[in-house]
Amino acid sequence: MNRNFENIYHEHKEMVYNLCLNYLQNKEAAEETTQDVFVKIYKKIDSFQENAQLKTWIYRIAINASLDYIKGKKRWAKIISIFPDKESHRMIELPSFDHPGVILEQKEALFNIFNQINQLSDNQKSAILLSKVEGRSLKEIGEILEVSPKAVESLLHRAKIKLKEKLNID
């Protein structure tokens, strides 16, 4: 099993990291979450059902780990917001957008777009990121999110409408 896990890690580490980075927009958070994903994979590899596609299973784990990370940050923000200390508030601010390969002039626009994507429902956010950033098909997205391709179409449509409204795009 160890050898098998090593192969899985080397084959999928970049995909998992990039997916986490798209969700979290912070290199350190993406690295930490990627580690968590592979710890989960290592612990659960024996429970993986061969009738599912390995890549789909890994996507699901990575998405859930990323969403859990975001929810954890929001929980801490609520807890710390009880205290009026300004230093505490500074510690819990959402991380600045830190995505490699983005030109400085584009950072602000990209930050705004990802900020709006982050406000979508978890399923809409996942559908948009998997479709537009990861380039996955409706069928693949449906398998990852465990919904029909038609439901994915609907999620994408609603997400695009919301993003157009929030970004004031005609």
Protein backbone atom coordinates (compact mmCIF):
# COMPACT_ATOMS: atom_id res chain seq x y z
CA MET A 1 0.00 0.00 0.00
CA ASN A 2 2.84 2.41 0.76
CA ARG A 3 4.13 2.15 -2.79
CA ASN A 4 0.61 2.66 -4.10
CA PHE A 5 0.20 5.77 -1.93
CA GLU A 6 3.50 7.18 -3.17
CA ASN A 7 2.33 6.77 -6.77
CA ILE A 8 -0.99 8.44 -5.94
CA TYR A 9 0.82 11.31 -4.22
CA HIS A 10 3.26 11.96 -7.06
CA GLU A 11 0.57 11.66 -9.73
CA HIS A 12 -1.97 13.95 -8.04
CA LYS A 13 -0.05 16.37 -5.77
CA GLU A 14 0.01 19.19 -8.31
CA MET A 15 -3.69 18.84 -9.14
CA VAL A 16 -4.63 18.86 -5.44
CA TYR A 17 -2.41 21.85 -4.66
CA ASN A 18 -3.79 23.87 -7.59
CA LEU A 19 -7.38 23.04 -6.64
CA CYS A 20 -6.74 24.06 -3.01
CA LEU A 21 -5.02 27.24 -4.21
CA ASN A 22 -8.05 28.12 -6.34
CA TYR A 23 -10.32 27.74 -3.32
CA LEU A 24 -8.11 29.40 -0.72
CA GLN A 25 -6.12 31.94 -2.79
CA ASN A 26 -3.18 31.65 -0.40
CA LYS A 27 -0.05 29.55 -0.94
CA GLU A 28 0.48 28.61 2.71
CA ALA A 29 -3.16 27.65 3.23
CA ALA A 30 -3.11 25.62 0.00
CA GLU A 31 0.07 23.82 1.07
CA GLU A 32 -1.39 23.04 4.50
CA THR A 33 -4.67 21.83 3.02
CA THR A 34 -2.85 19.75 0.40
CA GLN A 35 -1.01 18.00 3.23
CA ASP A 36 -4.31 17.37 5.01
CA VAL A 37 -5.77 15.92 1.81
CA PHE A 38 -2.97 13.41 1.42
CA VAL A 39 -3.13 12.45 5.09
CA LYS A 40 -6.83 11.70 4.57
CA ILE A 41 -6.09 9.78 1.38
CA TYR A 42 -3.42 7.73 3.18
CA LYS A 43 -5.79 6.92 6.04
CA LYS A 44 -8.75 6.10 3.76
CA ILE A 45 -7.04 4.45 0.78
CA ASP A 46 -8.19 1.00 1.94
CA SER A 47 -11.81 2.19 1.93
CA PHE A 48 -11.57 3.51 -1.65
CA GLN A 49 -14.10 1.67 -3.79
CA GLU A 50 -12.68 0.60 -7.12
CA ASN A 51 -16.00 1.27 -8.86
CA ALA A 52 -15.36 5.02 -8.44
CA GLN A 53 -12.67 6.86 -10.36
CA LEU A 54 -9.60 7.62 -8.18
CA LYS A 55 -9.21 11.16 -9.51
CA THR A 56 -12.86 11.94 -8.74
CA TRP A 57 -12.44 10.59 -5.21
CA ILE A 58 -9.34 12.74 -4.69
CA TYR A 59 -11.11 15.84 -6.08
CA ARG A 60 -13.95 15.29 -3.61
CA ILE A 61 -11.53 15.01 -0.68
CA ALA A 62 -9.63 18.14 -1.79
CA ILE A 63 -12.80 20.20 -2.24
CA ASN A 64 -14.16 19.14 1.14
CA ALA A 65 -10.83 19.88 2.85
CA SER A 66 -10.71 23.33 1.22
CA LEU A 67 -14.29 24.11 2.24
CA ASP A 68 -13.56 22.87 5.78
CA TYR A 69 -10.54 25.19 5.94
CA ILE A 70 -12.69 28.15 4.86
CA LYS A 71 -15.41 27.27 7.37
CA GLY A 72 -12.78 26.97 10.11
CA LYS A 73 -11.48 30.45 9.30
CA LYS A 74 -15.03 31.84 9.45
CA ARG A 75 -15.65 30.13 12.81
CA TRP A 76 -12.47 31.68 14.24
CA ALA A 77 -13.50 35.06 12.87
CA LYS A 78 -16.81 34.82 14.75
CA ILE A 79 -15.13 33.73 17.96
CA ILE A 80 -12.45 36.42 17.82
CA SER A 81 -14.95 39.13 16.83
CA ILE A 82 -16.39 38.88 20.34
CA PHE A 83 -13.20 40.52 21.60
CA PRO A 84 -12.76 44.22 20.81
CA ASP A 85 -8.95 43.98 20.57
CA LYS A 86 -7.85 45.33 17.19
CA GLU A 87 -4.77 43.11 17.17
CA SER A 88 -7.02 40.03 17.22
CA HIS A 89 -8.99 41.30 14.25
CA ARG A 90 -5.84 41.80 12.25
CA MET A 91 -4.90 38.15 12.77
CA ILE A 92 -8.16 36.81 11.37
CA GLU A 93 -8.46 38.89 8.25
CA LEU A 94 -8.83 36.78 5.15
CA PRO A 95 -5.43 36.27 3.56
CA SER A 96 -4.46 38.53 0.72
CA PHE A 97 -4.75 36.99 -2.70
CA ASP A 98 -1.51 35.15 -3.36
CA HIS A 99 -1.62 33.14 -6.56
CA PRO A 100 1.59 32.47 -8.52
CA GLY A 101 1.79 33.64 -12.09
CA VAL A 102 -0.58 36.58 -11.68
CA ILE A 103 0.81 39.88 -12.95
CA LEU A 104 0.74 42.69 -10.43
CA GLU A 105 -1.71 44.84 -12.42
CA GLN A 106 -4.17 41.96 -12.62
CA LYS A 107 -4.05 41.07 -8.94
CA GLU A 108 -6.72 43.56 -7.87
CA ALA A 109 -9.17 42.53 -10.61
CA LEU A 110 -8.52 38.86 -9.94
CA PHE A 111 -8.92 39.40 -6.20
CA ASN A 112 -12.31 41.01 -6.85
CA ILE A 113 -13.44 38.11 -9.05
CA PHE A 114 -12.32 35.46 -6.56
CA ASN A 115 -13.86 37.48 -3.74
CA GLN A 116 -17.21 37.26 -5.56
CA ILE A 117 -16.72 33.55 -6.33
CA ASN A 118 -16.05 32.97 -2.62
CA GLN A 119 -19.49 34.40 -1.83
CA LEU A 120 -21.29 31.80 -3.96
CA SER A 121 -22.78 28.69 -2.38
CA ASP A 122 -20.30 25.82 -1.96
CA ASN A 123 -21.78 23.88 -4.90
CA GLN A 124 -21.84 26.91 -7.21
CA LYS A 125 -18.29 27.82 -6.24
CA SER A 126 -17.13 24.25 -6.85
CA ALA A 127 -18.91 24.09 -10.21
CA ILE A 128 -17.35 27.38 -11.39
CA LEU A 129 -13.84 26.48 -10.23
CA LEU A 130 -13.98 22.96 -11.65
CA SER A 131 -15.40 24.19 -14.96
CA LYS A 132 -13.59 27.45 -15.62
CA VAL A 133 -10.31 26.99 -13.76
CA GLU A 134 -9.81 23.23 -13.83
CA GLY A 135 -11.42 22.75 -17.27
CA ARG A 136 -13.50 19.73 -16.19
CA SER A 137 -16.49 18.53 -18.22
CA LEU A 138 -20.08 18.64 -16.94
CA LYS A 139 -19.96 14.87 -16.51
CA GLU A 140 -16.74 14.99 -14.46
CA ILE A 141 -18.04 17.84 -12.31
CA GLY A 142 -21.26 15.91 -11.73
CA GLU A 143 -19.28 12.87 -10.57
CA ILE A 144 -17.12 14.97 -8.26
CA LEU A 145 -20.08 16.85 -6.75
CA GLU A 146 -22.30 13.75 -6.88
CA VAL A 147 -25.00 15.46 -8.94
CA SER A 148 -26.27 15.02 -12.49
CA PRO A 149 -24.67 16.89 -15.41
CA LYS A 150 -27.99 18.75 -15.76
CA ALA A 151 -27.69 19.90 -12.13
CA VAL A 152 -24.14 21.08 -12.89
CA GLU A 153 -25.46 23.12 -15.82
CA SER A 154 -27.99 24.71 -13.50
CA LEU A 155 -25.34 25.45 -10.85
CA LEU A 156 -23.09 27.05 -13.47
CA HIS A 157 -25.94 29.09 -14.92
CA ARG A 158 -27.02 30.45 -11.52
CA ALA A 159 -23.41 31.12 -10.51
CA LYS A 160 -22.75 33.05 -13.74
CA ILE A 161 -25.88 35.16 -13.23
CA LYS A 162 -24.86 35.99 -9.64
CA LEU A 163 -21.30 36.82 -10.67
CA LYS A 164 -22.48 39.05 -13.53
CA GLU A 165 -24.74 40.94 -11.12
CA LYS A 166 -22.05 41.35 -8.46
CA LEU A 167 -19.35 42.31 -10.95
CA ASN A 168 -21.70 44.59 -12.94
CA ILE A 169 -21.10 42.77 -16.20
CA ASP A 170 -23.70 42.89 -18.99
